[in-house]
């Protein structure tokens, strides 16, 4: 009976699923971080991830800061270090105000 309780307790642990999962093997190119000013008091910092399949992802954040937000630098570094690896996961609590947008998908 104790063994059954231990097995049940293993399945009852709270696991937080990732918000996004990317296949690092398919990454072809990661752009430098760029910025654009959409409003006088707001700057958009972003970079693009190009996949071999033709999928392009834009990772962006809006801020009033003059410097690139550290969270965007960290996420870009995560993708750079993940090139050629199986999966890259991003959790909601790691992303803060960062947005991930499917920008373009080339049809075959």
C-alpha atoms as a PDB file:
ATOM      1  CA  UNK A   1       0.000   0.000   0.000  1.00  0.00           C
ATOM      2  CA  UNK A   2       2.856   2.418   0.766  1.00  0.00           C
ATOM      3  CA  UNK A   3       4.344   1.814  -2.671  1.00  0.00           C
ATOM      4  CA  UNK A   4       1.037   2.760  -4.290  1.00  0.00           C
ATOM      5  CA  UNK A   5       0.907   5.988  -2.234  1.00  0.00           C
ATOM      6  CA  UNK A   6       4.453   6.894  -3.287  1.00  0.00           C
ATOM      7  CA  UNK A   7       3.598   6.326  -6.944  1.00  0.00           C
ATOM      8  CA  UNK A   8       0.473   8.485  -6.599  1.00  0.00           C
ATOM      9  CA  UNK A   9       2.469  11.256  -4.922  1.00  0.00           C
ATOM     10  CA  UNK A  10       4.876  11.292  -7.883  1.00  0.00           C
ATOM     11  CA  UNK A  11       1.987  11.976 -10.253  1.00  0.00           C
ATOM     12  CA  UNK A  12       0.417  14.627  -8.025  1.00  0.00           C
ATOM     13  CA  UNK A  13       3.390  16.988  -8.119  1.00  0.00           C
ATOM     14  CA  UNK A  14       2.624  20.306  -9.771  1.00  0.00           C
ATOM     15  CA  UNK A  15       4.560  20.636 -12.998  1.00  0.00           C
ATOM     16  CA  UNK A  16       4.336  23.925 -14.841  1.00  0.00           C
ATOM     17  CA  UNK A  17       4.206  23.313 -18.600  1.00  0.00           C
ATOM     18  CA  UNK A  18       6.314  25.571 -20.815  1.00  0.00           C
ATOM     19  CA  UNK A  19       4.625  28.431 -22.657  1.00  0.00           C
ATOM     20  CA  UNK A  20       6.618  27.828 -25.858  1.00  0.00           C
ATOM     21  CA  UNK A  21       8.736  24.923 -27.133  1.00  0.00           C
ATOM     22  CA  UNK A  22      11.007  25.343 -30.153  1.00  0.00           C
ATOM     23  CA  UNK A  23      13.045  22.801 -32.097  1.00  0.00           C
ATOM     24  CA  UNK A  24      16.602  24.095 -31.935  1.00  0.00           C
ATOM     25  CA  UNK A  25      17.778  21.738 -34.673  1.00  0.00           C
ATOM     26  CA  UNK A  26      15.724  23.652 -37.252  1.00  0.00           C
ATOM     27  CA  UNK A  27      17.127  27.107 -36.450  1.00  0.00           C
ATOM     28  CA  UNK A  28      18.869  28.557 -39.457  1.00  0.00           C
ATOM     29  CA  UNK A  29      19.575  32.174 -38.500  1.00  0.00           C
ATOM     30  CA  UNK A  30      19.050  34.605 -35.599  1.00  0.00           C
ATOM     31  CA  UNK A  31      19.127  38.318 -36.357  1.00  0.00           C
ATOM     32  CA  UNK A  32      20.807  40.942 -34.206  1.00  0.00           C
ATOM     33  CA  UNK A  33      18.540  42.860 -31.834  1.00  0.00           C
ATOM     34  CA  UNK A  34      16.983  45.841 -33.560  1.00  0.00           C
ATOM     35  CA  UNK A  35      14.842  48.692 -32.306  1.00  0.00           C
ATOM     36  CA  UNK A  36      12.080  50.882 -33.623  1.00  0.00           C
ATOM     37  CA  UNK A  37      10.188  53.732 -32.056  1.00  0.00           C
ATOM     38  CA  UNK A  38       6.446  53.355 -32.530  1.00  0.00           C
ATOM     39  CA  UNK A  39       5.482  56.041 -30.006  1.00  0.00           C
ATOM     40  CA  UNK A  40       7.456  58.981 -28.593  1.00  0.00           C
ATOM     41  CA  UNK A  41       7.700  57.358 -25.155  1.00  0.00           C
ATOM     42  CA  UNK A  42       8.018  53.707 -26.228  1.00  0.00           C
ATOM     43  CA  UNK A  43      10.705  51.685 -27.998  1.00  0.00           C
ATOM     44  CA  UNK A  44      10.252  48.207 -29.478  1.00  0.00           C
ATOM     45  CA  UNK A  45      13.292  45.935 -29.291  1.00  0.00           C
ATOM     46  CA  UNK A  46      13.131  42.711 -31.275  1.00  0.00           C
ATOM     47  CA  UNK A  47      15.017  39.953 -33.038  1.00  0.00           C
ATOM     48  CA  UNK A  48      13.940  37.343 -35.558  1.00  0.00           C
ATOM     49  CA  UNK A  49      14.553  33.601 -35.585  1.00  0.00           C
ATOM     50  CA  UNK A  50      14.558  31.957 -39.023  1.00  0.00           C
ATOM     51  CA  UNK A  51      13.908  28.235 -39.231  1.00  0.00           C
ATOM     52  CA  UNK A  52      14.825  25.863 -42.068  1.00  0.00           C
ATOM     53  CA  UNK A  53      11.125  25.187 -42.642  1.00  0.00           C
ATOM     54  CA  UNK A  54      10.545  28.822 -43.620  1.00  0.00           C
ATOM     55  CA  UNK A  55       8.939  29.750 -40.308  1.00  0.00           C
ATOM     56  CA  UNK A  56      10.094  33.087 -38.913  1.00  0.00           C
ATOM     57  CA  UNK A  57       9.458  34.057 -35.285  1.00  0.00           C
ATOM     58  CA  UNK A  58       9.705  37.604 -33.965  1.00  0.00           C
ATOM     59  CA  UNK A  59      10.629  37.972 -30.292  1.00  0.00           C
ATOM     60  CA  UNK A  60       9.872  41.505 -29.106  1.00  0.00           C
ATOM     61  CA  UNK A  61       9.367  43.724 -26.100  1.00  0.00           C
ATOM     62  CA  UNK A  62       8.067  47.271 -25.725  1.00  0.00           C
ATOM     63  CA  UNK A  63       9.759  49.485 -23.170  1.00  0.00           C
ATOM     64  CA  UNK A  64      10.539  53.078 -22.287  1.00  0.00           C
ATOM     65  CA  UNK A  65      14.164  52.164 -21.532  1.00  0.00           C
ATOM     66  CA  UNK A  66      16.992  53.395 -23.755  1.00  0.00           C
ATOM     67  CA  UNK A  67      19.025  50.191 -23.405  1.00  0.00           C
ATOM     68  CA  UNK A  68      18.071  46.725 -24.641  1.00  0.00           C
ATOM     69  CA  UNK A  69      16.158  44.947 -21.847  1.00  0.00           C
ATOM     70  CA  UNK A  70      18.263  42.187 -20.230  1.00  0.00           C
ATOM     71  CA  UNK A  71      15.418  39.661 -20.610  1.00  0.00           C
ATOM     72  CA  UNK A  72      15.541  40.028 -24.405  1.00  0.00           C
ATOM     73  CA  UNK A  73      19.324  39.565 -24.387  1.00  0.00           C
ATOM     74  CA  UNK A  74      18.894  36.415 -22.257  1.00  0.00           C
ATOM     75  CA  UNK A  75      16.247  34.913 -24.527  1.00  0.00           C
ATOM     76  CA  UNK A  76      18.342  35.590 -27.630  1.00  0.00           C
ATOM     77  CA  UNK A  77      21.356  33.970 -25.962  1.00  0.00           C
ATOM     78  CA  UNK A  78      19.190  30.966 -25.048  1.00  0.00           C
ATOM     79  CA  UNK A  79      18.297  30.497 -28.727  1.00  0.00           C
ATOM     80  CA  UNK A  80      21.885  30.988 -29.882  1.00  0.00           C
ATOM     81  CA  UNK A  81      23.095  28.363 -27.403  1.00  0.00           C
ATOM     82  CA  UNK A  82      20.208  26.088 -28.416  1.00  0.00           C
ATOM     83  CA  UNK A  83      21.071  25.924 -32.112  1.00  0.00           C
ATOM     84  CA  UNK A  84      21.459  22.272 -33.032  1.00  0.00           C
ATOM     85  CA  UNK A  85      19.874  20.981 -29.825  1.00  0.00           C
ATOM     86  CA  UNK A  86      16.560  19.196 -29.556  1.00  0.00           C
ATOM     87  CA  UNK A  87      14.271  21.626 -27.765  1.00  0.00           C
ATOM     88  CA  UNK A  88      14.318  25.132 -26.376  1.00  0.00           C
ATOM     89  CA  UNK A  89      11.618  25.849 -23.821  1.00  0.00           C
ATOM     90  CA  UNK A  90      10.360  29.183 -22.541  1.00  0.00           C
ATOM     91  CA  UNK A  91       8.187  29.454 -19.449  1.00  0.00           C
ATOM     92  CA  UNK A  92       5.698  32.264 -18.881  1.00  0.00           C
ATOM     93  CA  UNK A  93       7.421  33.476 -15.699  1.00  0.00           C
ATOM     94  CA  UNK A  94      10.718  33.829 -17.620  1.00  0.00           C
ATOM     95  CA  UNK A  95       9.198  35.911 -20.388  1.00  0.00           C
ATOM     96  CA  UNK A  96       7.786  38.885 -18.452  1.00  0.00           C
ATOM     97  CA  UNK A  97       6.507  41.322 -21.132  1.00  0.00           C
ATOM     98  CA  UNK A  98       8.193  39.583 -24.063  1.00  0.00           C
ATOM     99  CA  UNK A  99       5.948  38.702 -27.006  1.00  0.00           C
ATOM    100  CA  UNK A 100       6.557  35.861 -29.445  1.00  0.00           C
ATOM    101  CA  UNK A 101       4.875  36.239 -32.816  1.00  0.00           C
ATOM    102  CA  UNK A 102       4.787  33.893 -35.780  1.00  0.00           C
ATOM    103  CA  UNK A 103       5.791  36.402 -38.377  1.00  0.00           C
ATOM    104  CA  UNK A 104       5.875  34.487 -41.638  1.00  0.00           C
ATOM    105  CA  UNK A 105       5.611  30.948 -42.840  1.00  0.00           C
ATOM    106  CA  UNK A 106       6.710  30.108 -46.338  1.00  0.00           C
ATOM    107  CA  UNK A 107       4.486  27.599 -48.105  1.00  0.00           C
ATOM    108  CA  UNK A 108       6.191  24.685 -49.840  1.00  0.00           C
END
